[in-house]
Every structure is written in C-alpha cells, then in structure tokens.
C-alpha cells in the first residue's frame, strides 16, 4: 500500500513536476469558554476530542491549542500537564478556517 495514495497530487501544464499539497492549520484563539484539564496517564488527543466534540478526528484542534505541552508528532499529551480544550462552540469556526486554508492548496514540493 502506497502511504501517499490519499494525499492530493498537483500537476499543472506550466509545472508538470509532481507536487504534494501541504496541510495548513489555523491559529486557535483563546476563549473564556475553553476547558482546562490536567492530563492523566492514558489520555490521548483523539480520545479527548471524542469526549469533548464527539469526533476523534478533531484531535488536531486540541493538539494545536497546546503546542507548548505537545511532543511533536505524538498523539499523547504529557501526563500531569494542564491542557486547553477549545470550546465546542468554537470548533465549527476552527474547522471552517482549516478548510479555507487548505482549499485549492498547491504548495509544497516533494
């Protein structure tokens, strides 16, 4: 199975070289309705997203909101750290910003 098969490839007539798109993420502003929790052993961003938003695929929202306490490329926050879970009422605007940033995105060369 090709690990790049689900990544969109961009080719244009002016530049026929294969290019993979780059995913861009929005900044996640603080809100008075954000939830702050202490991480316990076994917590994962996908499980926190499922319990907070009902959708584990939104793990990146919580991870991005906590870049200071996140191990790069890890699904596990550091036990004992206090992390911010953006308010569920703000998630739809965060996802809309994500979609707008990545619509017709053709940057990044591999």
Protein backbone atom coordinates (compact mmCIF):
# COMPACT_ATOMS: atom_id res chain seq x y z
CA UNK A 1 0.00 0.00 0.00
CA UNK A 2 1.38 3.37 -1.01
CA UNK A 3 1.46 5.67 2.01
CA UNK A 4 0.99 8.71 -0.23
CA UNK A 5 -2.08 7.45 -2.08
CA UNK A 6 -4.55 9.60 -0.14
CA UNK A 7 -2.50 12.79 -0.45
CA UNK A 8 -3.62 15.00 -3.34
CA UNK A 9 -1.04 15.40 -6.10
CA UNK A 10 -0.90 18.63 -8.06
CA UNK A 11 0.42 18.89 -11.62
CA UNK A 12 -0.02 21.84 -13.94
CA UNK A 13 0.93 22.32 -17.57
CA UNK A 14 3.38 25.06 -16.61
CA UNK A 15 4.93 22.86 -13.92
CA UNK A 16 4.47 19.14 -14.70
CA UNK A 17 6.56 18.05 -11.70
CA UNK A 18 4.54 16.07 -9.12
CA UNK A 19 3.82 18.14 -6.04
CA UNK A 20 2.04 17.06 -2.90
CA UNK A 21 -0.13 19.54 -1.09
CA UNK A 22 0.87 20.89 2.30
CA UNK A 23 -1.66 20.92 5.11
CA UNK A 24 -2.07 24.27 6.83
CA UNK A 25 -3.64 24.69 10.23
CA UNK A 26 -5.32 27.82 11.63
CA UNK A 27 -4.34 29.52 14.85
CA UNK A 28 -6.70 28.67 17.68
CA UNK A 29 -7.59 31.72 19.75
CA UNK A 30 -8.30 31.51 23.46
CA UNK A 31 -11.87 31.83 24.64
CA UNK A 32 -13.45 32.30 28.07
CA UNK A 33 -15.45 29.14 27.40
CA UNK A 34 -12.36 26.92 26.83
CA UNK A 35 -11.97 23.98 29.18
CA UNK A 36 -8.71 23.35 31.03
CA UNK A 37 -7.91 19.83 32.22
CA UNK A 38 -4.95 18.00 33.72
CA UNK A 39 -3.69 15.13 31.62
CA UNK A 40 -3.71 11.70 33.22
CA UNK A 41 -1.94 8.56 32.08
CA UNK A 42 -3.72 7.07 29.08
CA UNK A 43 -5.17 10.35 27.79
CA UNK A 44 -4.81 10.80 24.05
CA UNK A 45 -5.80 13.73 21.86
CA UNK A 46 -8.21 11.61 19.83
CA UNK A 47 -9.97 10.34 22.97
CA UNK A 48 -10.17 13.86 24.39
CA UNK A 49 -11.62 15.09 21.08
CA UNK A 50 -14.20 12.30 21.10
CA UNK A 51 -15.29 13.06 24.64
CA UNK A 52 -15.33 16.84 24.03
CA UNK A 53 -16.63 17.07 20.45
CA UNK A 54 -17.99 13.61 19.66
CA UNK A 55 -15.44 13.28 16.84
CA UNK A 56 -11.97 11.78 17.36
CA UNK A 57 -10.74 13.13 14.01
CA UNK A 58 -10.70 16.62 15.58
CA UNK A 59 -7.71 15.63 17.75
CA UNK A 60 -5.60 18.22 15.92
CA UNK A 61 -7.72 21.06 17.35
CA UNK A 62 -6.68 20.15 20.90
CA UNK A 63 -3.08 19.39 19.91
CA UNK A 64 -2.71 22.76 18.15
CA UNK A 65 -4.20 24.60 21.11
CA UNK A 66 -1.44 23.11 23.27
CA UNK A 67 1.73 23.36 21.21
CA UNK A 68 3.80 24.20 24.31
CA UNK A 69 2.97 20.92 26.02
CA UNK A 70 2.82 18.70 22.96
CA UNK A 71 5.51 16.28 21.91
CA UNK A 72 5.85 16.75 18.14
CA UNK A 73 4.10 14.01 16.13
CA UNK A 74 2.61 12.44 19.24
CA UNK A 75 -1.00 11.58 19.94
CA UNK A 76 -0.26 11.58 23.69
CA UNK A 77 -0.11 14.76 25.79
CA UNK A 78 2.31 14.76 28.72
CA UNK A 79 0.73 13.32 31.90
CA UNK A 80 0.45 15.98 34.59
CA UNK A 81 0.32 18.88 32.14
CA UNK A 82 -2.65 21.21 32.11
CA UNK A 83 -4.04 21.48 28.59
CA UNK A 84 -6.65 23.66 26.96
CA UNK A 85 -9.59 22.12 25.15
CA UNK A 86 -11.13 24.74 22.86
CA UNK A 87 -14.82 25.26 23.44
CA UNK A 88 -17.12 23.03 21.37
CA UNK A 89 -18.98 26.18 20.33
CA UNK A 90 -15.81 27.40 18.55
CA UNK A 91 -14.89 24.16 16.78
CA UNK A 92 -17.05 24.77 13.70
CA UNK A 93 -15.29 28.10 13.03
CA UNK A 94 -11.88 26.45 13.58
CA UNK A 95 -12.75 23.70 11.10
CA UNK A 96 -14.06 26.30 8.62
CA UNK A 97 -10.74 28.17 8.90
CA UNK A 98 -8.88 24.91 8.31
CA UNK A 99 -10.94 24.16 5.20
CA UNK A 100 -10.44 27.69 3.85
CA UNK A 101 -6.67 27.49 4.34
CA UNK A 102 -6.47 24.17 2.53
CA UNK A 103 -8.91 24.79 -0.30
CA UNK A 104 -7.03 24.69 -3.62
CA UNK A 105 -3.76 24.38 -1.75
CA UNK A 106 -1.00 23.51 -4.17
CA UNK A 107 2.09 24.45 -2.20
CA UNK A 108 4.83 22.11 -1.21
CA UNK A 109 7.14 20.10 -3.37
CA UNK A 110 8.25 16.62 -2.58
